[in-house]
PDB file of N, CA and C in Angstrom:
ATOM      1  N   MET A   1       1.990  89.005 -17.548  1.00  0.00           N
ATOM      2  CA  MET A   1       1.095  89.263 -16.328  1.00  0.00           C
ATOM      3  C   MET A   1       0.184  90.304 -16.562  1.00  0.00           C
ATOM      4  N   SER A   2      -1.037  90.027 -16.222  1.00  0.00           N
ATOM      5  CA  SER A   2      -2.097  91.027 -16.755  1.00  0.00           C
ATOM      6  C   SER A   2      -2.112  92.101 -15.537  1.00  0.00           C
ATOM      7  N   LYS A   3      -2.595  93.325 -15.836  1.00  0.00           N
ATOM      8  CA  LYS A   3      -2.640  94.419 -15.066  1.00  0.00           C
ATOM      9  C   LYS A   3      -4.093  94.185 -14.243  1.00  0.00           C
ATOM     10  N   LYS A   4      -4.040  94.233 -12.973  1.00  0.00           N
ATOM     11  CA  LYS A   4      -5.299  94.207 -12.106  1.00  0.00           C
ATOM     12  C   LYS A   4      -5.998  95.563 -12.314  1.00  0.00           C
ATOM     13  N   LEU A   5      -7.370  95.374 -12.596  1.00  0.00           N
ATOM     14  CA  LEU A   5      -8.120  96.462 -12.653  1.00  0.00           C
ATOM     15  C   LEU A   5      -8.832  96.873 -11.404  1.00  0.00           C
ATOM     16  N   TYR A   6      -8.688  98.113 -10.987  1.00  0.00           N
ATOM     17  CA  TYR A   6      -9.333  98.501  -9.739  1.00  0.00           C
ATOM     18  C   TYR A   6     -10.742  99.314  -9.810  1.00  0.00           C
ATOM     19  N   TYR A   7     -11.638  98.964  -9.290  1.00  0.00           N
ATOM     20  CA  TYR A   7     -13.094  99.574  -9.353  1.00  0.00           C
ATOM     21  C   TYR A   7     -13.574  99.987  -7.983  1.00  0.00           C
ATOM     22  N   HIS A   8     -14.189 101.306  -7.992  1.00  0.00           N
ATOM     23  CA  HIS A   8     -14.776 101.609  -6.708  1.00  0.00           C
ATOM     24  C   HIS A   8     -16.163 101.071  -6.717  1.00  0.00           C
ATOM     25  N   PRO A   9     -16.441 100.223  -5.750  1.00  0.00           N
ATOM     26  CA  PRO A   9     -17.749  99.473  -5.537  1.00  0.00           C
ATOM     27  C   PRO A   9     -18.954 100.485  -5.295  1.00  0.00           C
ATOM     28  N   THR A  10     -19.696 100.782  -6.280  1.00  0.00           N
ATOM     29  CA  THR A  10     -20.743 101.734  -6.016  1.00  0.00           C
ATOM     30  C   THR A  10     -22.200 101.063  -6.385  1.00  0.00           C
ATOM     31  N   ASN A  11     -22.260  99.769  -6.711  1.00  0.00           N
ATOM     32  CA  ASN A  11     -23.387  99.079  -7.030  1.00  0.00           C
ATOM     33  C   ASN A  11     -24.177  98.808  -5.991  1.00  0.00           C
ATOM     34  N   GLU A  12     -24.721  99.775  -5.317  1.00  0.00           N
ATOM     35  CA  GLU A  12     -25.537  99.500  -3.970  1.00  0.00           C
ATOM     36  C   GLU A  12     -27.115  99.603  -4.191  1.00  0.00           C
ATOM     37  N   LYS A  13     -27.594  99.813  -5.242  1.00  0.00           N
ATOM     38  CA  LYS A  13     -28.975  99.704  -5.571  1.00  0.00           C
ATOM     39  C   LYS A  13     -29.533  98.235  -5.704  1.00  0.00           C
ATOM     40  N   ASN A  14     -30.547  97.948  -4.909  1.00  0.00           N
ATOM     41  CA  ASN A  14     -31.292  96.688  -5.006  1.00  0.00           C
ATOM     42  C   ASN A  14     -32.590  96.866  -5.582  1.00  0.00           C
ATOM     43  N   TYR A  15     -33.105  96.195  -6.384  1.00  0.00           N
ATOM     44  CA  TYR A  15     -34.497  96.566  -7.101  1.00  0.00           C
ATOM     45  C   TYR A  15     -35.474  95.462  -6.416  1.00  0.00           C
ATOM     46  N   THR A  16     -36.587  96.003  -6.124  1.00  0.00           N
ATOM     47  CA  THR A  16     -37.630  95.007  -5.805  1.00  0.00           C
ATOM     48  C   THR A  16     -38.194  94.176  -7.023  1.00  0.00           C
ATOM     49  N   VAL A  17     -39.078  93.170  -6.757  1.00  0.00           N
ATOM     50  CA  VAL A  17     -39.559  92.523  -7.834  1.00  0.00           C
ATOM     51  C   VAL A  17     -40.561  93.381  -8.632  1.00  0.00           C
ATOM     52  N   ASP A  18     -41.321  94.163  -7.940  1.00  0.00           N
ATOM     53  CA  ASP A  18     -42.170  95.275  -8.702  1.00  0.00           C
ATOM     54  C   ASP A  18     -41.372  96.075  -9.450  1.00  0.00           C
ATOM     55  N   GLU A  19     -40.294  96.654  -8.968  1.00  0.00           N
ATOM     56  CA  GLU A  19     -39.410  97.572  -9.813  1.00  0.00           C
ATOM     57  C   GLU A  19     -38.781  96.821 -11.003  1.00  0.00           C
ATOM     58  N   TRP A  20     -38.480  95.757 -10.975  1.00  0.00           N
ATOM     59  CA  TRP A  20     -37.916  94.820 -11.980  1.00  0.00           C
ATOM     60  C   TRP A  20     -39.124  94.495 -12.976  1.00  0.00           C
ATOM     61  N   ILE A  21     -40.341  94.401 -12.641  1.00  0.00           N
ATOM     62  CA  ILE A  21     -41.361  94.175 -13.456  1.00  0.00           C
ATOM     63  C   ILE A  21     -41.675  95.441 -14.309  1.00  0.00           C
ATOM     64  N   LEU A  22     -41.571  96.496 -13.681  1.00  0.00           N
ATOM     65  CA  LEU A  22     -41.841  97.908 -14.436  1.00  0.00           C
ATOM     66  C   LEU A  22     -40.619  98.113 -15.376  1.00  0.00           C
ATOM     67  N   MET A  23     -39.381  97.827 -14.956  1.00  0.00           N
ATOM     68  CA  MET A  23     -38.227  97.997 -15.924  1.00  0.00           C
ATOM     69  C   MET A  23     -38.396  97.039 -17.149  1.00  0.00           C
ATOM     70  N   LEU A  24     -38.764  95.838 -16.839  1.00  0.00           N
ATOM     71  CA  LEU A  24     -38.817  94.808 -17.946  1.00  0.00           C
ATOM     72  C   LEU A  24     -39.926  95.192 -18.960  1.00  0.00           C
ATOM     73  N   GLN A  25     -40.855  95.822 -18.441  1.00  0.00           N
ATOM     74  CA  GLN A  25     -42.012  96.191 -19.395  1.00  0.00           C
ATOM     75  C   GLN A  25     -41.653  97.435 -20.139  1.00  0.00           C
ATOM     76  N   GLU A  26     -40.566  98.118 -19.908  1.00  0.00           N
ATOM     77  CA  GLU A  26     -40.244  99.519 -20.768  1.00  0.00           C
ATOM     78  C   GLU A  26     -39.960  98.977 -22.160  1.00  0.00           C
ATOM     79  N   LYS A  27     -40.598  99.664 -23.054  1.00  0.00           N
ATOM     80  CA  LYS A  27     -40.396  99.347 -24.418  1.00  0.00           C
ATOM     81  C   LYS A  27     -38.963  99.741 -25.027  1.00  0.00           C
ATOM     82  N   ASP A  28     -38.433  98.814 -25.796  1.00  0.00           N
ATOM     83  CA  ASP A  28     -37.249  99.055 -26.324  1.00  0.00           C
ATOM     84  C   ASP A  28     -36.098  99.301 -25.519  1.00  0.00           C
ATOM     85  N   CYS A  29     -35.980  98.707 -24.255  1.00  0.00           N
ATOM     86  CA  CYS A  29     -34.917  99.088 -23.323  1.00  0.00           C
ATOM     87  C   CYS A  29     -34.044  97.669 -23.238  1.00  0.00           C
ATOM     88  N   PHE A  30     -34.653  96.522 -23.152  1.00  0.00           N
ATOM     89  CA  PHE A  30     -33.802  95.338 -22.952  1.00  0.00           C
ATOM     90  C   PHE A  30     -33.587  94.634 -24.192  1.00  0.00           C
ATOM     91  N   ALA A  31     -32.207  94.509 -24.464  1.00  0.00           N
ATOM     92  CA  ALA A  31     -31.842  93.667 -25.731  1.00  0.00           C
ATOM     93  C   ALA A  31     -32.253  92.148 -25.385  1.00  0.00           C
ATOM     94  N   PRO A  32     -32.648  91.420 -26.525  1.00  0.00           N
ATOM     95  CA  PRO A  32     -33.131  90.138 -26.404  1.00  0.00           C
ATOM     96  C   PRO A  32     -32.059  89.225 -25.708  1.00  0.00           C
ATOM     97  N   ALA A  33     -30.834  89.486 -25.947  1.00  0.00           N
ATOM     98  CA  ALA A  33     -29.751  88.659 -25.452  1.00  0.00           C
ATOM     99  C   ALA A  33     -29.574  89.066 -24.011  1.00  0.00           C
ATOM    100  N   LEU A  34     -29.824  90.201 -23.398  1.00  0.00           N
ATOM    101  CA  LEU A  34     -29.933  90.476 -22.067  1.00  0.00           C
ATOM    102  C   LEU A  34     -31.009  89.916 -21.316  1.00  0.00           C
ATOM    103  N   LEU A  35     -32.116  89.711 -21.933  1.00  0.00           N
ATOM    104  CA  LEU A  35     -33.251  89.044 -21.298  1.00  0.00           C
ATOM    105  C   LEU A  35     -33.095  87.586 -21.342  1.00  0.00           C
ATOM    106  N   GLU A  36     -32.314  87.036 -22.244  1.00  0.00           N
ATOM    107  CA  GLU A  36     -31.856  85.581 -22.230  1.00  0.00           C
ATOM    108  C   GLU A  36     -30.879  85.402 -20.937  1.00  0.00           C
ATOM    109  N   ALA A  37     -30.041  86.263 -20.881  1.00  0.00           N
ATOM    110  CA  ALA A  37     -28.957  86.214 -19.831  1.00  0.00           C
ATOM    111  C   ALA A  37     -29.766  86.316 -18.357  1.00  0.00           C
ATOM    112  N   ILE A  38     -30.617  87.263 -18.227  1.00  0.00           N
ATOM    113  CA  ILE A  38     -31.409  87.482 -16.994  1.00  0.00           C
ATOM    114  C   ILE A  38     -32.159  86.123 -16.647  1.00  0.00           C
ATOM    115  N   TYR A  39     -32.800  85.673 -17.640  1.00  0.00           N
ATOM    116  CA  TYR A  39     -33.573  84.214 -17.449  1.00  0.00           C
ATOM    117  C   TYR A  39     -32.563  83.214 -16.910  1.00  0.00           C
ATOM    118  N   VAL A  40     -31.539  83.043 -17.625  1.00  0.00           N
ATOM    119  CA  VAL A  40     -30.566  82.005 -17.265  1.00  0.00           C
ATOM    120  C   VAL A  40     -30.086  82.355 -15.870  1.00  0.00           C
ATOM    121  N   LEU A  41     -29.708  83.479 -15.501  1.00  0.00           N
ATOM    122  CA  LEU A  41     -29.185  83.886 -14.315  1.00  0.00           C
ATOM    123  C   LEU A  41     -30.147  83.486 -13.247  1.00  0.00           C
ATOM    124  N   VAL A  42     -31.260  84.013 -13.262  1.00  0.00           N
ATOM    125  CA  VAL A  42     -32.388  84.032 -12.230  1.00  0.00           C
ATOM    126  C   VAL A  42     -32.888  82.470 -12.168  1.00  0.00           C
ATOM    127  N   VAL A  43     -33.295  81.859 -13.289  1.00  0.00           N
ATOM    128  CA  VAL A  43     -33.932  80.684 -13.373  1.00  0.00           C
ATOM    129  C   VAL A  43     -33.119  79.452 -13.169  1.00  0.00           C
ATOM    130  N   GLU A  44     -31.942  79.606 -13.995  1.00  0.00           N
ATOM    131  CA  GLU A  44     -31.210  78.337 -13.892  1.00  0.00           C
ATOM    132  C   GLU A  44     -29.987  78.402 -13.146  1.00  0.00           C
ATOM    133  N   MET A  45     -29.400  79.670 -12.722  1.00  0.00           N
ATOM    134  CA  MET A  45     -28.293  79.772 -11.765  1.00  0.00           C
ATOM    135  C   MET A  45     -28.666  80.316 -10.403  1.00  0.00           C
ATOM    136  N   ASP A  46     -29.854  80.453  -9.967  1.00  0.00           N
ATOM    137  CA  ASP A  46     -30.270  80.958  -8.735  1.00  0.00           C
ATOM    138  C   ASP A  46     -29.726  82.273  -8.487  1.00  0.00           C
ATOM    139  N   GLY A  47     -29.379  83.207  -9.540  1.00  0.00           N
ATOM    140  CA  GLY A  47     -29.220  84.521  -9.303  1.00  0.00           C
ATOM    141  C   GLY A  47     -27.600  84.811  -9.159  1.00  0.00           C
ATOM    142  N   LYS A  48     -26.727  83.561  -9.147  1.00  0.00           N
ATOM    143  CA  LYS A  48     -25.396  83.826  -9.031  1.00  0.00           C
ATOM    144  C   LYS A  48     -24.628  83.246 -10.224  1.00  0.00           C
ATOM    145  N   GLY A  49     -23.862  84.034 -10.889  1.00  0.00           N
ATOM    146  CA  GLY A  49     -23.170  83.726 -12.032  1.00  0.00           C
ATOM    147  C   GLY A  49     -22.576  84.946 -12.723  1.00  0.00           C
ATOM    148  N   SER A  50     -21.535  84.630 -13.599  1.00  0.00           N
ATOM    149  CA  SER A  50     -21.106  85.664 -14.547  1.00  0.00           C
ATOM    150  C   SER A  50     -21.437  85.533 -15.963  1.00  0.00           C
ATOM    151  N   ALA A  51     -21.131  86.432 -16.761  1.00  0.00           N
ATOM    152  CA  ALA A  51     -21.413  86.463 -18.174  1.00  0.00           C
ATOM    153  C   ALA A  51     -20.860  85.212 -18.757  1.00  0.00           C
ATOM    154  N   LYS A  52     -19.752  84.978 -18.333  1.00  0.00           N
ATOM    155  CA  LYS A  52     -18.851  83.761 -18.910  1.00  0.00           C
ATOM    156  C   LYS A  52     -19.640  82.494 -18.686  1.00  0.00           C
ATOM    157  N   GLN A  53     -20.149  82.369 -17.379  1.00  0.00           N
ATOM    158  CA  GLN A  53     -20.902  81.135 -16.983  1.00  0.00           C
ATOM    159  C   GLN A  53     -22.145  81.043 -17.780  1.00  0.00           C
ATOM    160  N   ILE A  54     -22.834  82.086 -17.934  1.00  0.00           N
ATOM    161  CA  ILE A  54     -24.057  82.184 -18.638  1.00  0.00           C
ATOM    162  C   ILE A  54     -23.841  81.652 -20.105  1.00  0.00           C
ATOM    163  N   SER A  55     -22.698  82.146 -20.703  1.00  0.00           N
ATOM    164  CA  SER A  55     -22.300  81.813 -22.046  1.00  0.00           C
ATOM    165  C   SER A  55     -22.200  80.318 -22.089  1.00  0.00           C
ATOM    166  N   GLU A  56     -21.691  79.674 -21.154  1.00  0.00           N
ATOM    167  CA  GLU A  56     -21.396  78.285 -21.115  1.00  0.00           C
ATOM    168  C   GLU A  56     -22.766  77.542 -21.415  1.00  0.00           C
ATOM    169  N   ILE A  57     -23.840  78.108 -20.676  1.00  0.00           N
ATOM    170  CA  ILE A  57     -25.258  77.482 -20.787  1.00  0.00           C
ATOM    171  C   ILE A  57     -25.797  77.794 -22.120  1.00  0.00           C
ATOM    172  N   THR A  58     -25.678  78.993 -22.515  1.00  0.00           N
ATOM    173  CA  THR A  58     -26.506  79.350 -23.816  1.00  0.00           C
ATOM    174  C   THR A  58     -25.696  79.163 -25.121  1.00  0.00           C
ATOM    175  N   GLY A  59     -24.311  79.148 -24.996  1.00  0.00           N
ATOM    176  CA  GLY A  59     -23.578  78.854 -26.190  1.00  0.00           C
ATOM    177  C   GLY A  59     -23.209  80.377 -26.915  1.00  0.00           C
ATOM    178  N   ARG A  60     -23.663  81.364 -26.400  1.00  0.00           N
ATOM    179  CA  ARG A  60     -23.353  82.759 -26.867  1.00  0.00           C
ATOM    180  C   ARG A  60     -22.050  83.188 -26.234  1.00  0.00           C
ATOM    181  N   ALA A  61     -21.447  84.065 -27.070  1.00  0.00           N
ATOM    182  CA  ALA A  61     -20.106  84.621 -26.441  1.00  0.00           C
ATOM    183  C   ALA A  61     -20.522  85.542 -25.362  1.00  0.00           C
ATOM    184  N   TYR A  62     -19.743  85.463 -24.249  1.00  0.00           N
ATOM    185  CA  TYR A  62     -20.026  86.195 -23.194  1.00  0.00           C
ATOM    186  C   TYR A  62     -20.058  87.842 -23.324  1.00  0.00           C
ATOM    187  N   GLN A  63     -19.209  88.143 -24.400  1.00  0.00           N
ATOM    188  CA  GLN A  63     -19.197  89.613 -24.723  1.00  0.00           C
ATOM    189  C   GLN A  63     -20.457  90.164 -25.110  1.00  0.00           C
ATOM    190  N   VAL A  64     -21.367  89.340 -25.624  1.00  0.00           N
ATOM    191  CA  VAL A  64     -22.669  89.712 -26.162  1.00  0.00           C
ATOM    192  C   VAL A  64     -23.403  90.196 -24.915  1.00  0.00           C
ATOM    193  N   TYR A  65     -23.445  89.597 -23.824  1.00  0.00           N
ATOM    194  CA  TYR A  65     -24.133  89.862 -22.634  1.00  0.00           C
ATOM    195  C   TYR A  65     -23.565  91.341 -21.974  1.00  0.00           C
ATOM    196  N   ASN A  66     -22.204  91.481 -22.033  1.00  0.00           N
ATOM    197  CA  ASN A  66     -21.626  92.492 -21.438  1.00  0.00           C
ATOM    198  C   ASN A  66     -21.958  93.781 -22.202  1.00  0.00           C
ATOM    199  N   SER A  67     -21.899  93.690 -23.466  1.00  0.00           N
ATOM    200  CA  SER A  67     -22.195  94.889 -24.355  1.00  0.00           C
ATOM    201  C   SER A  67     -23.727  95.223 -24.348  1.00  0.00           C
ATOM    202  N   SER A  68     -24.606  94.220 -24.305  1.00  0.00           N
ATOM    203  CA  SER A  68     -26.034  94.438 -24.165  1.00  0.00           C
ATOM    204  C   SER A  68     -26.371  95.055 -22.728  1.00  0.00           C
ATOM    205  N   MET A  69     -25.715  94.679 -21.716  1.00  0.00           N
ATOM    206  CA  MET A  69     -25.947  95.348 -20.368  1.00  0.00           C
ATOM    207  C   MET A  69     -25.760  96.677 -20.576  1.00  0.00           C
ATOM    208  N   ALA A  70     -24.501  97.221 -21.153  1.00  0.00           N
ATOM    209  CA  ALA A  70     -24.179  98.625 -21.163  1.00  0.00           C
ATOM    210  C   ALA A  70     -25.228  99.333 -22.064  1.00  0.00           C
ATOM    211  N   GLN A  71     -25.711  98.868 -23.086  1.00  0.00           N
ATOM    212  CA  GLN A  71     -26.727  99.412 -23.817  1.00  0.00           C
ATOM    213  C   GLN A  71     -28.007  99.498 -23.250  1.00  0.00           C
ATOM    214  N   THR A  72     -28.358  98.428 -22.562  1.00  0.00           N
ATOM    215  CA  THR A  72     -29.662  98.556 -21.785  1.00  0.00           C
ATOM    216  C   THR A  72     -29.617  99.531 -20.499  1.00  0.00           C
ATOM    217  N   VAL A  73     -28.477  99.592 -20.011  1.00  0.00           N
ATOM    218  CA  VAL A  73     -28.419 100.589 -18.869  1.00  0.00           C
ATOM    219  C   VAL A  73     -28.617 102.104 -19.387  1.00  0.00           C
ATOM    220  N   LYS A  74     -28.067 102.349 -20.500  1.00  0.00           N
ATOM    221  CA  LYS A  74     -28.129 103.720 -21.195  1.00  0.00           C
ATOM    222  C   LYS A  74     -29.581 103.883 -21.561  1.00  0.00           C
ATOM    223  N   ARG A  75     -30.303 102.945 -22.007  1.00  0.00           N
ATOM    224  CA  ARG A  75     -31.715 103.082 -22.289  1.00  0.00           C
ATOM    225  C   ARG A  75     -32.613 103.249 -21.015  1.00  0.00           C
ATOM    226  N   LEU A  76     -32.403 102.498 -20.081  1.00  0.00           N
ATOM    227  CA  LEU A  76     -33.011 102.724 -18.815  1.00  0.00           C
ATOM    228  C   LEU A  76     -32.762 104.061 -18.284  1.00  0.00           C
ATOM    229  N   ARG A  77     -31.644 104.531 -18.226  1.00  0.00           N
ATOM    230  CA  ARG A  77     -31.275 105.891 -17.580  1.00  0.00           C
ATOM    231  C   ARG A  77     -31.940 106.904 -18.388  1.00  0.00           C
ATOM    232  N   LYS A  78     -32.184 106.728 -19.795  1.00  0.00           N
ATOM    233  CA  LYS A  78     -32.822 107.743 -20.596  1.00  0.00           C
ATOM    234  C   LYS A  78     -34.392 107.801 -20.121  1.00  0.00           C
ATOM    235  N   LYS A  79     -34.837 106.688 -19.606  1.00  0.00           N
ATOM    236  CA  LYS A  79     -36.322 106.451 -19.185  1.00  0.00           C
ATOM    237  C   LYS A  79     -36.416 107.001 -17.743  1.00  0.00           C
ATOM    238  N   GLY A  80     -35.335 107.337 -17.135  1.00  0.00           N
ATOM    239  CA  GLY A  80     -35.487 107.891 -15.753  1.00  0.00           C
ATOM    240  C   GLY A  80     -35.044 106.909 -14.573  1.00  0.00           C
ATOM    241  N   TYR A  81     -34.678 105.816 -15.063  1.00  0.00           N
ATOM    242  CA  TYR A  81     -34.339 104.817 -14.018  1.00  0.00           C
ATOM    243  C   TYR A  81     -32.842 105.175 -13.490  1.00  0.00           C
ATOM    244  N   THR A  82     -32.650 104.947 -12.138  1.00  0.00           N
ATOM    245  CA  THR A  82     -31.234 105.115 -11.682  1.00  0.00           C
ATOM    246  C   THR A  82     -30.593 103.782 -11.543  1.00  0.00           C
ATOM    247  N   ILE A  83     -29.474 103.674 -12.417  1.00  0.00           N
ATOM    248  CA  ILE A  83     -28.707 102.353 -12.314  1.00  0.00           C
ATOM    249  C   ILE A  83     -27.332 102.777 -11.895  1.00  0.00           C
ATOM    250  N   VAL A  84     -26.932 102.132 -10.823  1.00  0.00           N
ATOM    251  CA  VAL A  84     -25.520 102.448 -10.240  1.00  0.00           C
ATOM    252  C   VAL A  84     -24.620 101.320 -10.691  1.00  0.00           C
ATOM    253  N   ALA A  85     -23.412 101.791 -11.095  1.00  0.00           N
ATOM    254  CA  ALA A  85     -22.459 100.872 -11.675  1.00  0.00           C
ATOM    255  C   ALA A  85     -21.079 101.008 -10.689  1.00  0.00           C
ATOM    256  N   ASP A  86     -20.194 100.102 -10.844  1.00  0.00           N
ATOM    257  CA  ASP A  86     -18.973 100.175 -10.250  1.00  0.00           C
ATOM    258  C   ASP A  86     -18.141 101.002 -11.265  1.00  0.00           C
ATOM    259  N   VAL A  87     -17.182 101.763 -10.669  1.00  0.00           N
ATOM    260  CA  VAL A  87     -16.528 102.644 -11.413  1.00  0.00           C
ATOM    261  C   VAL A  87     -15.005 102.351 -11.478  1.00  0.00           C
ATOM    262  N   ARG A  88     -14.484 102.376 -12.557  1.00  0.00           N
ATOM    263  CA  ARG A  88     -12.859 101.992 -12.717  1.00  0.00           C
ATOM    264  C   ARG A  88     -12.282 103.121 -12.184  1.00  0.00           C
ATOM    265  N   GLU A  89     -11.203 102.849 -11.263  1.00  0.00           N
ATOM    266  CA  GLU A  89     -10.533 104.082 -10.574  1.00  0.00           C
ATOM    267  C   GLU A  89      -9.579 104.939 -11.497  1.00  0.00           C
ATOM    268  N   ASP A  90      -9.009 104.336 -12.528  1.00  0.00           N
ATOM    269  CA  ASP A  90      -7.938 105.008 -13.336  1.00  0.00           C
ATOM    270  C   ASP A  90      -8.721 105.803 -14.524  1.00  0.00           C
ATOM    271  N   ASN A  91      -9.944 105.487 -14.916  1.00  0.00           N
ATOM    272  CA  ASN A  91     -10.522 106.189 -15.946  1.00  0.00           C
ATOM    273  C   ASN A  91     -11.963 106.476 -15.857  1.00  0.00           C
ATOM    274  N   ASN A  92     -12.416 106.107 -14.728  1.00  0.00           N
ATOM    275  CA  ASN A  92     -13.969 106.371 -14.461  1.00  0.00           C
ATOM    276  C   ASN A  92     -14.983 105.592 -15.408  1.00  0.00           C
ATOM    277  N   LYS A  93     -14.462 104.531 -15.929  1.00  0.00           N
ATOM    278  CA  LYS A  93     -15.216 103.707 -16.848  1.00  0.00           C
ATOM    279  C   LYS A  93     -16.143 102.956 -16.007  1.00  0.00           C
ATOM    280  N   GLU A  94     -17.412 102.767 -16.411  1.00  0.00           N
ATOM    281  CA  GLU A  94     -18.454 102.056 -15.718  1.00  0.00           C
ATOM    282  C   GLU A  94     -18.430 100.491 -15.974  1.00  0.00           C
ATOM    283  N   ARG A  95     -18.707  99.740 -14.915  1.00  0.00           N
ATOM    284  CA  ARG A  95     -18.651  98.220 -15.014  1.00  0.00           C
ATOM    285  C   ARG A  95     -20.148  97.829 -14.363  1.00  0.00           C
ATOM    286  N   PHE A  96     -20.626  97.126 -15.248  1.00  0.00           N
ATOM    287  CA  PHE A  96     -21.999  96.588 -14.930  1.00  0.00           C
ATOM    288  C   PHE A  96     -21.933  95.031 -14.504  1.00  0.00           C
ATOM    289  N   ASP A  97     -22.428  94.716 -13.348  1.00  0.00           N
ATOM    290  CA  ASP A  97     -22.464  93.294 -13.029  1.00  0.00           C
ATOM    291  C   ASP A  97     -23.714  92.700 -13.219  1.00  0.00           C
ATOM    292  N   LEU A  98     -23.707  91.501 -13.850  1.00  0.00           N
ATOM    293  CA  LEU A  98     -24.970  90.808 -14.198  1.00  0.00           C
ATOM    294  C   LEU A  98     -25.945  90.498 -12.945  1.00  0.00           C
ATOM    295  N   SER A  99     -25.078  90.314 -11.929  1.00  0.00           N
ATOM    296  CA  SER A  99     -25.890  90.056 -10.653  1.00  0.00           C
ATOM    297  C   SER A  99     -26.908  91.169 -10.185  1.00  0.00           C
ATOM    298  N   MET A 100     -26.620  92.314 -10.721  1.00  0.00           N
ATOM    299  CA  MET A 100     -27.545  93.455 -10.479  1.00  0.00           C
ATOM    300  C   MET A 100     -28.938  93.288 -11.005  1.00  0.00           C
ATOM    301  N   CYS A 101     -28.955  92.102 -11.928  1.00  0.00           N
ATOM    302  CA  CYS A 101     -30.293  91.748 -12.519  1.00  0.00           C
ATOM    303  C   CYS A 101     -31.134  90.854 -11.766  1.00  0.00           C
ATOM    304  N   LYS A 102     -30.492  90.473 -10.580  1.00  0.00           N
ATOM    305  CA  LYS A 102     -31.451  89.613  -9.632  1.00  0.00           C
ATOM    306  C   LYS A 102     -32.351  90.538  -8.748  1.00  0.00           C
ATOM    307  N   PRO A 103     -33.662  90.261  -8.845  1.00  0.00           N
ATOM    308  CA  PRO A 103     -34.480  91.080  -8.069  1.00  0.00           C
ATOM    309  C   PRO A 103     -34.418  90.610  -6.492  1.00  0.00           C
ATOM    310  N   VAL A 104     -34.683  91.462  -5.602  1.00  0.00           N
ATOM    311  CA  VAL A 104     -34.631  91.271  -4.162  1.00  0.00           C
ATOM    312  C   VAL A 104     -35.911  90.891  -3.622  1.00  0.00           C
TER     313      VAL A 104
END
């Protein structure tokens, strides 16, 4: 039996299309694999889906998207962007949801 992971939902920031355009134009922030995931999520999945579902479309391992997301968030934060994550209760580990990639 697997242990359930509990997260504090803190992912409240929604980005406008204009804000996304600015972020996507940042040099050396988005990993190519994450750009691929965003494209699939927004264009092919209507903004709803998981890394595992994206991997079924692209053929890449879903872990590629999860690790790319964490690295991209670190780079964007260094550039001054506020990226809010869900936080795991027992160890304060951040969790990033690919659905945060959908512009509002």
